[in-house]
Each structure stands twice: as C-alpha cells, then as structure tokens.
C-alpha cells in the first residue's frame, strides 16, 4: 500500500471514529431524556391523587408540557447528517440501477439535495 493510500485510509478511519463519537453522544443524550421522562412519570404517580381523579389533571398537563418542551430542545445533527447520507446513497443506488439515462442527473441532484438539506 502506498503512503498516500495509507494516509487516506487513516484520515477516513479518524473521520469515522469522530462520527461514531458524535452519534454515541447524541444517543446518550436521548437516553438521558428517556430517563428524565420516566422520572416525571413516576413523580406523577407519587404526587397523590392517582391518574384518574380531576385534581391530578393539571399536574399531568404540566408534566406533559415540560416533557414536550424538553423533547423539542433535543438536537441530533450527527444523526441527521448520517441519515441524510444513508438516504442519499439509497437514491444513488437507485440511479445506478435505473435504465433511464434521461433521469440520472435529476436523481443524483436529488441525492445531493438530501445531503445539503442537513447543512441548511
């Protein structure tokens, strides 16, 4: 293997390791949210009143509102980029097997738009 090929392979390996670390961090953040949501749920059970009496409804609504606010704050840029790349590769695979050359450039432009959509 020549030096340039080895350097390229190392660079690719490092890039994939970084991407993996970003995905793992996002996954850990999602797990923390799940744990937080479960704690909120358990808090409703122990706040008195149970799930079916009218006094507990405002507490349940407040907990639901807090959970939805927390959920909306979650950002997953590495996951979004990874999924966009997978989708784009799928579109390109479709273009590779398509027997209609007139559509090839349009399909490949769409694949590129999928990739760029994450960046905007």
N, C-alpha and C. Protein backbone atom coordinates (compact mmCIF):
# COMPACT_ATOMS: atom_id res chain seq x y z
N UNK A 1 0.85 -1.17 0.00
CA UNK A 1 0.00 0.00 0.00
C UNK A 1 0.90 1.23 0.00
N UNK A 2 0.63 2.19 -0.86
CA UNK A 2 1.47 3.38 -0.93
C UNK A 2 1.12 4.33 0.21
N UNK A 3 2.01 5.25 0.45
CA UNK A 3 1.87 6.19 1.56
C UNK A 3 0.60 7.03 1.44
N UNK A 4 0.27 7.46 0.22
CA UNK A 4 -0.92 8.28 0.01
C UNK A 4 -2.18 7.49 0.34
N UNK A 5 -2.22 6.22 -0.06
CA UNK A 5 -3.38 5.38 0.24
C UNK A 5 -3.51 5.15 1.73
N UNK A 6 -2.39 4.93 2.39
CA UNK A 6 -2.40 4.72 3.83
C UNK A 6 -2.86 5.98 4.55
N UNK A 7 -2.38 7.13 4.12
CA UNK A 7 -2.80 8.40 4.72
C UNK A 7 -4.30 8.61 4.53
N UNK A 8 -4.81 8.30 3.35
CA UNK A 8 -6.24 8.44 3.08
C UNK A 8 -7.05 7.50 3.95
N UNK A 9 -6.57 6.27 4.11
CA UNK A 9 -7.27 5.29 4.95
C UNK A 9 -7.29 5.74 6.40
N UNK A 10 -6.18 6.27 6.88
CA UNK A 10 -6.12 6.76 8.26
C UNK A 10 -7.05 7.95 8.45
N UNK A 11 -7.06 8.85 7.47
CA UNK A 11 -7.95 10.02 7.54
C UNK A 11 -9.41 9.57 7.57
N UNK A 12 -9.77 8.62 6.73
CA UNK A 12 -11.13 8.10 6.71
C UNK A 12 -11.47 7.43 8.04
N UNK A 13 -10.54 6.64 8.56
CA UNK A 13 -10.76 5.99 9.85
C UNK A 13 -10.98 6.99 10.97
N UNK A 14 -10.19 8.04 10.98
CA UNK A 14 -10.35 9.09 12.00
C UNK A 14 -11.69 9.80 11.86
N UNK A 15 -12.09 10.07 10.61
CA UNK A 15 -13.37 10.72 10.37
C UNK A 15 -14.52 9.84 10.87
N UNK A 16 -14.45 8.54 10.57
CA UNK A 16 -15.49 7.62 11.01
C UNK A 16 -15.51 7.50 12.53
N UNK A 17 -14.36 7.51 13.16
CA UNK A 17 -14.30 7.46 14.63
C UNK A 17 -14.94 8.71 15.23
N UNK A 18 -14.68 9.87 14.64
CA UNK A 18 -15.30 11.11 15.12
C UNK A 18 -16.81 11.06 14.95
N UNK A 19 -17.25 10.59 13.79
CA UNK A 19 -18.69 10.48 13.53
C UNK A 19 -19.33 9.52 14.53
N UNK A 20 -18.67 8.42 14.81
CA UNK A 20 -19.18 7.45 15.77
C UNK A 20 -19.30 8.07 17.16
N UNK A 21 -18.31 8.85 17.55
CA UNK A 21 -18.33 9.51 18.86
C UNK A 21 -19.49 10.51 18.95
N UNK A 22 -19.73 11.24 17.86
CA UNK A 22 -20.84 12.20 17.85
C UNK A 22 -22.18 11.47 17.95
N UNK A 23 -22.32 10.38 17.22
CA UNK A 23 -23.56 9.60 17.29
C UNK A 23 -23.76 9.02 18.68
N UNK A 24 -22.69 8.55 19.30
CA UNK A 24 -22.78 7.99 20.65
C UNK A 24 -23.19 9.07 21.65
N UNK A 25 -22.65 10.26 21.50
CA UNK A 25 -23.01 11.36 22.41
C UNK A 25 -24.48 11.73 22.26
N UNK A 26 -24.96 11.78 21.03
CA UNK A 26 -26.38 12.08 20.81
C UNK A 26 -27.26 10.98 21.38
N UNK A 27 -26.86 9.74 21.20
CA UNK A 27 -27.62 8.62 21.73
C UNK A 27 -27.68 8.69 23.26
N UNK A 28 -26.56 9.04 23.89
CA UNK A 28 -26.54 9.17 25.35
C UNK A 28 -27.49 10.29 25.79
N UNK A 29 -27.51 11.38 25.04
CA UNK A 29 -28.43 12.48 25.35
C UNK A 29 -29.89 12.05 25.25
N UNK A 30 -30.20 11.25 24.25
CA UNK A 30 -31.57 10.75 24.11
C UNK A 30 -31.92 9.82 25.26
N UNK A 31 -30.97 9.02 25.71
CA UNK A 31 -31.22 8.13 26.84
C UNK A 31 -31.48 8.95 28.11
N UNK A 32 -30.72 10.02 28.30
CA UNK A 32 -30.93 10.89 29.46
C UNK A 32 -32.35 11.46 29.42
N UNK A 33 -32.80 11.86 28.23
CA UNK A 33 -34.16 12.38 28.11
C UNK A 33 -35.17 11.30 28.48
N UNK A 34 -34.95 10.07 28.03
CA UNK A 34 -35.86 8.97 28.39
C UNK A 34 -35.89 8.75 29.89
N UNK A 35 -34.74 8.81 30.53
CA UNK A 35 -34.69 8.66 31.99
C UNK A 35 -35.43 9.80 32.68
N UNK A 36 -35.26 11.02 32.16
CA UNK A 36 -35.94 12.19 32.72
C UNK A 36 -37.45 12.04 32.57
N UNK A 37 -37.88 11.60 31.42
CA UNK A 37 -39.30 11.41 31.17
C UNK A 37 -39.88 10.36 32.11
N UNK A 38 -39.15 9.28 32.32
CA UNK A 38 -39.61 8.23 33.22
C UNK A 38 -39.71 8.76 34.66
N UNK A 39 -38.75 9.58 35.07
CA UNK A 39 -38.80 10.17 36.41
C UNK A 39 -40.03 11.07 36.57
N UNK A 40 -40.33 11.82 35.52
CA UNK A 40 -41.52 12.68 35.56
C UNK A 40 -42.78 11.82 35.69
N UNK A 41 -42.83 10.75 34.96
CA UNK A 41 -43.96 9.83 35.01
C UNK A 41 -44.13 9.25 36.41
N UNK A 42 -43.01 8.80 37.00
CA UNK A 42 -43.06 8.23 38.35
C UNK A 42 -43.45 9.31 39.36
N UNK A 43 -43.03 10.55 39.13
CA UNK A 43 -43.40 11.65 40.01
C UNK A 43 -44.89 11.90 40.02
N UNK A 44 -45.54 11.71 38.90
CA UNK A 44 -46.99 11.86 38.85
C UNK A 44 -47.68 10.80 39.71
N UNK A 45 -47.15 9.60 39.70
CA UNK A 45 -47.75 8.53 40.50
C UNK A 45 -47.66 8.83 41.99
N UNK A 46 -46.57 9.45 42.41
CA UNK A 46 -46.35 9.66 43.84
C UNK A 46 -46.82 11.03 44.30
N UNK A 47 -47.34 11.88 43.39
CA UNK A 47 -47.76 13.22 43.80
C UNK A 47 -49.13 13.21 44.44
N UNK A 48 -49.74 12.06 44.56
CA UNK A 48 -51.05 11.97 45.19
C UNK A 48 -52.15 12.09 44.17
N UNK A 49 -53.27 11.52 44.48
CA UNK A 49 -54.43 11.65 43.61
C UNK A 49 -54.55 10.58 42.57
N UNK A 50 -53.47 9.99 42.15
CA UNK A 50 -53.55 8.96 41.12
C UNK A 50 -53.78 9.54 39.75
N UNK A 51 -54.00 8.67 38.79
CA UNK A 51 -54.11 9.12 37.40
C UNK A 51 -55.53 9.46 36.98
N UNK A 52 -56.52 9.12 37.79
CA UNK A 52 -57.89 9.25 37.30
C UNK A 52 -58.71 10.31 38.01
N UNK A 53 -58.19 10.96 39.05
CA UNK A 53 -59.02 11.98 39.67
C UNK A 53 -58.78 13.33 39.02
N UNK A 54 -59.73 14.23 39.18
CA UNK A 54 -59.68 15.52 38.49
C UNK A 54 -58.57 16.42 39.00
N UNK A 55 -58.18 16.28 40.28
CA UNK A 55 -57.12 17.14 40.81
C UNK A 55 -55.77 16.84 40.16
N UNK A 56 -55.58 15.64 39.67
CA UNK A 56 -54.27 15.30 39.10
C UNK A 56 -54.11 15.78 37.66
N UNK A 57 -55.18 16.17 37.01
CA UNK A 57 -55.12 16.57 35.60
C UNK A 57 -54.18 17.76 35.38
N UNK A 58 -54.26 18.84 36.19
CA UNK A 58 -53.32 19.95 35.96
C UNK A 58 -51.86 19.54 36.12
N UNK A 59 -51.58 18.65 37.07
CA UNK A 59 -50.21 18.17 37.26
C UNK A 59 -49.75 17.35 36.06
N UNK A 60 -50.66 16.53 35.56
CA UNK A 60 -50.33 15.72 34.38
C UNK A 60 -50.07 16.61 33.17
N UNK A 61 -50.90 17.65 33.01
CA UNK A 61 -50.72 18.56 31.88
C UNK A 61 -49.40 19.32 32.00
N UNK A 62 -49.08 19.77 33.20
CA UNK A 62 -47.81 20.48 33.41
C UNK A 62 -46.63 19.57 33.11
N UNK A 63 -46.72 18.32 33.54
CA UNK A 63 -45.64 17.37 33.27
C UNK A 63 -45.51 17.10 31.78
N UNK A 64 -46.64 16.97 31.10
CA UNK A 64 -46.62 16.74 29.66
C UNK A 64 -46.03 17.95 28.93
N UNK A 65 -46.42 19.15 29.34
CA UNK A 65 -45.86 20.36 28.73
C UNK A 65 -44.35 20.44 28.93
N UNK A 66 -43.89 20.11 30.14
CA UNK A 66 -42.45 20.14 30.42
C UNK A 66 -41.72 19.09 29.58
N UNK A 67 -42.32 17.92 29.45
CA UNK A 67 -41.70 16.85 28.65
C UNK A 67 -41.60 17.26 27.19
N UNK A 68 -42.66 17.86 26.66
CA UNK A 68 -42.65 18.27 25.26
C UNK A 68 -41.63 19.38 25.02
N UNK A 69 -41.51 20.31 25.97
CA UNK A 69 -40.51 21.37 25.84
C UNK A 69 -39.11 20.79 25.82
N UNK A 70 -38.86 19.84 26.72
CA UNK A 70 -37.54 19.19 26.77
C UNK A 70 -37.28 18.42 25.49
N UNK A 71 -38.29 17.76 24.97
CA UNK A 71 -38.14 16.98 23.74
C UNK A 71 -37.81 17.88 22.55
N UNK A 72 -38.46 19.04 22.48
CA UNK A 72 -38.23 19.95 21.36
C UNK A 72 -36.83 20.56 21.38
N UNK A 73 -36.18 20.57 22.55
CA UNK A 73 -34.84 21.13 22.67
C UNK A 73 -33.75 20.16 22.21
N UNK A 74 -34.10 18.90 22.03
CA UNK A 74 -33.10 17.90 21.64
C UNK A 74 -32.69 18.14 20.19
N UNK A 75 -31.38 18.22 19.97
CA UNK A 75 -30.85 18.36 18.62
C UNK A 75 -29.92 17.18 18.34
N UNK A 76 -30.01 16.65 17.15
CA UNK A 76 -29.20 15.49 16.77
C UNK A 76 -28.55 15.71 15.40
N UNK A 77 -27.65 16.68 15.29
CA UNK A 77 -27.07 16.98 13.98
C UNK A 77 -26.26 15.83 13.39
N UNK A 78 -25.52 15.09 14.20
CA UNK A 78 -24.73 13.97 13.66
C UNK A 78 -25.66 12.87 13.15
N UNK A 79 -26.71 12.60 13.90
CA UNK A 79 -27.68 11.58 13.46
C UNK A 79 -28.38 12.04 12.19
N UNK A 80 -28.78 13.31 12.15
CA UNK A 80 -29.44 13.85 10.96
C UNK A 80 -28.53 13.75 9.74
N UNK A 81 -27.26 14.09 9.90
CA UNK A 81 -26.30 14.00 8.78
C UNK A 81 -26.10 12.56 8.35
N UNK A 82 -25.99 11.66 9.31
CA UNK A 82 -25.81 10.24 8.99
C UNK A 82 -27.01 9.72 8.20
N UNK A 83 -28.21 10.03 8.67
CA UNK A 83 -29.41 9.55 7.97
C UNK A 83 -29.54 10.18 6.59
N UNK A 84 -29.18 11.45 6.45
CA UNK A 84 -29.23 12.10 5.13
C UNK A 84 -28.27 11.41 4.17
N UNK A 85 -27.10 11.04 4.66
CA UNK A 85 -26.12 10.34 3.81
C UNK A 85 -26.64 8.97 3.40
N UNK A 86 -27.25 8.26 4.34
CA UNK A 86 -27.81 6.93 4.01
C UNK A 86 -28.91 7.07 2.96
N UNK A 87 -29.77 8.06 3.14
CA UNK A 87 -30.85 8.28 2.15
C UNK A 87 -30.26 8.63 0.78
N UNK A 88 -29.28 9.52 0.77
CA UNK A 88 -28.66 9.92 -0.49
C UNK A 88 -28.01 8.74 -1.19
N UNK A 89 -27.35 7.89 -0.42
CA UNK A 89 -26.73 6.70 -1.01
C UNK A 89 -27.79 5.77 -1.59
N UNK A 90 -28.93 5.67 -0.93
CA UNK A 90 -30.02 4.85 -1.45
C UNK A 90 -30.54 5.39 -2.78
N UNK A 91 -30.66 6.71 -2.86
CA UNK A 91 -31.10 7.34 -4.11
C UNK A 91 -30.07 7.09 -5.21
N UNK A 92 -28.80 7.19 -4.87
CA UNK A 92 -27.75 6.93 -5.86
C UNK A 92 -27.74 5.47 -6.30
N UNK A 93 -28.01 4.56 -5.39
CA UNK A 93 -28.11 3.15 -5.77
C UNK A 93 -29.26 2.94 -6.75
N UNK A 94 -30.36 3.65 -6.51
CA UNK A 94 -31.48 3.59 -7.44
C UNK A 94 -31.06 4.10 -8.81
N UNK A 95 -30.33 5.22 -8.84
CA UNK A 95 -29.86 5.79 -10.11
C UNK A 95 -28.93 4.82 -10.82
N UNK A 96 -28.08 4.11 -10.07
CA UNK A 96 -27.15 3.16 -10.68
C UNK A 96 -27.87 2.02 -11.39
N UNK A 97 -29.03 1.64 -10.88
CA UNK A 97 -29.77 0.51 -11.45
C UNK A 97 -30.86 0.94 -12.43
N UNK A 98 -31.09 2.23 -12.53
CA UNK A 98 -32.16 2.72 -13.39
C UNK A 98 -31.74 2.66 -14.86
N UNK A 99 -32.61 2.19 -15.68
CA UNK A 99 -32.32 2.08 -17.11
C UNK A 99 -32.92 3.24 -17.89
N UNK A 100 -32.81 4.43 -17.32
CA UNK A 100 -33.36 5.62 -17.98
C UNK A 100 -32.35 6.76 -17.81
N UNK A 101 -31.40 6.86 -18.73
CA UNK A 101 -30.34 7.87 -18.60
C UNK A 101 -30.86 9.30 -18.51
N UNK A 102 -32.05 9.56 -19.04
CA UNK A 102 -32.59 10.92 -19.01
C UNK A 102 -32.84 11.40 -17.57
N UNK A 103 -33.08 10.47 -16.66
CA UNK A 103 -33.37 10.84 -15.28
C UNK A 103 -32.15 10.82 -14.37
N UNK A 104 -31.04 10.33 -14.85
CA UNK A 104 -29.87 10.13 -14.00
C UNK A 104 -29.43 11.41 -13.30
N UNK A 105 -29.26 12.50 -14.03
CA UNK A 105 -28.77 13.73 -13.40
C UNK A 105 -29.79 14.29 -12.41
N UNK A 106 -31.06 14.17 -12.71
CA UNK A 106 -32.10 14.65 -11.79
C UNK A 106 -32.08 13.86 -10.49
N UNK A 107 -31.93 12.55 -10.60
CA UNK A 107 -31.89 11.70 -9.41
C UNK A 107 -30.65 12.02 -8.58
N UNK A 108 -29.53 12.19 -9.23
CA UNK A 108 -28.29 12.49 -8.49
C UNK A 108 -28.33 13.89 -7.86
N UNK A 109 -28.99 14.83 -8.50
CA UNK A 109 -29.18 16.15 -7.90
C UNK A 109 -30.05 16.04 -6.64
N UNK A 110 -31.06 15.18 -6.70
CA UNK A 110 -31.90 14.95 -5.53
C UNK A 110 -31.08 14.36 -4.39
N UNK A 111 -30.22 13.43 -4.69
CA UNK A 111 -29.35 12.84 -3.66
C UNK A 111 -28.48 13.93 -3.03
N UNK A 112 -27.96 14.83 -3.84
CA UNK A 112 -27.13 15.92 -3.31
C UNK A 112 -27.97 16.87 -2.45
N UNK A 113 -29.21 17.11 -2.84
CA UNK A 113 -30.10 17.94 -2.03
C UNK A 113 -30.37 17.30 -0.67
N UNK A 114 -30.49 15.99 -0.64
CA UNK A 114 -30.67 15.30 0.64
C UNK A 114 -29.47 15.56 1.55
N UNK A 115 -28.29 15.48 0.99
CA UNK A 115 -27.08 15.74 1.79
C UNK A 115 -27.03 17.19 2.27
N UNK A 116 -27.33 18.12 1.39
CA UNK A 116 -27.25 19.54 1.73
C UNK A 116 -28.37 19.96 2.67
N UNK A 117 -29.49 19.28 2.64
CA UNK A 117 -30.62 19.63 3.49
C UNK A 117 -30.27 19.64 4.96
N UNK A 118 -29.33 18.82 5.35
CA UNK A 118 -28.91 18.75 6.74
C UNK A 118 -28.10 19.98 7.12
N UNK A 119 -27.38 20.53 6.16
CA UNK A 119 -26.49 21.65 6.44
C UNK A 119 -27.24 22.97 6.53
N UNK A 120 -28.43 23.05 5.99
CA UNK A 120 -29.14 24.34 5.98
C UNK A 120 -29.90 24.59 7.25
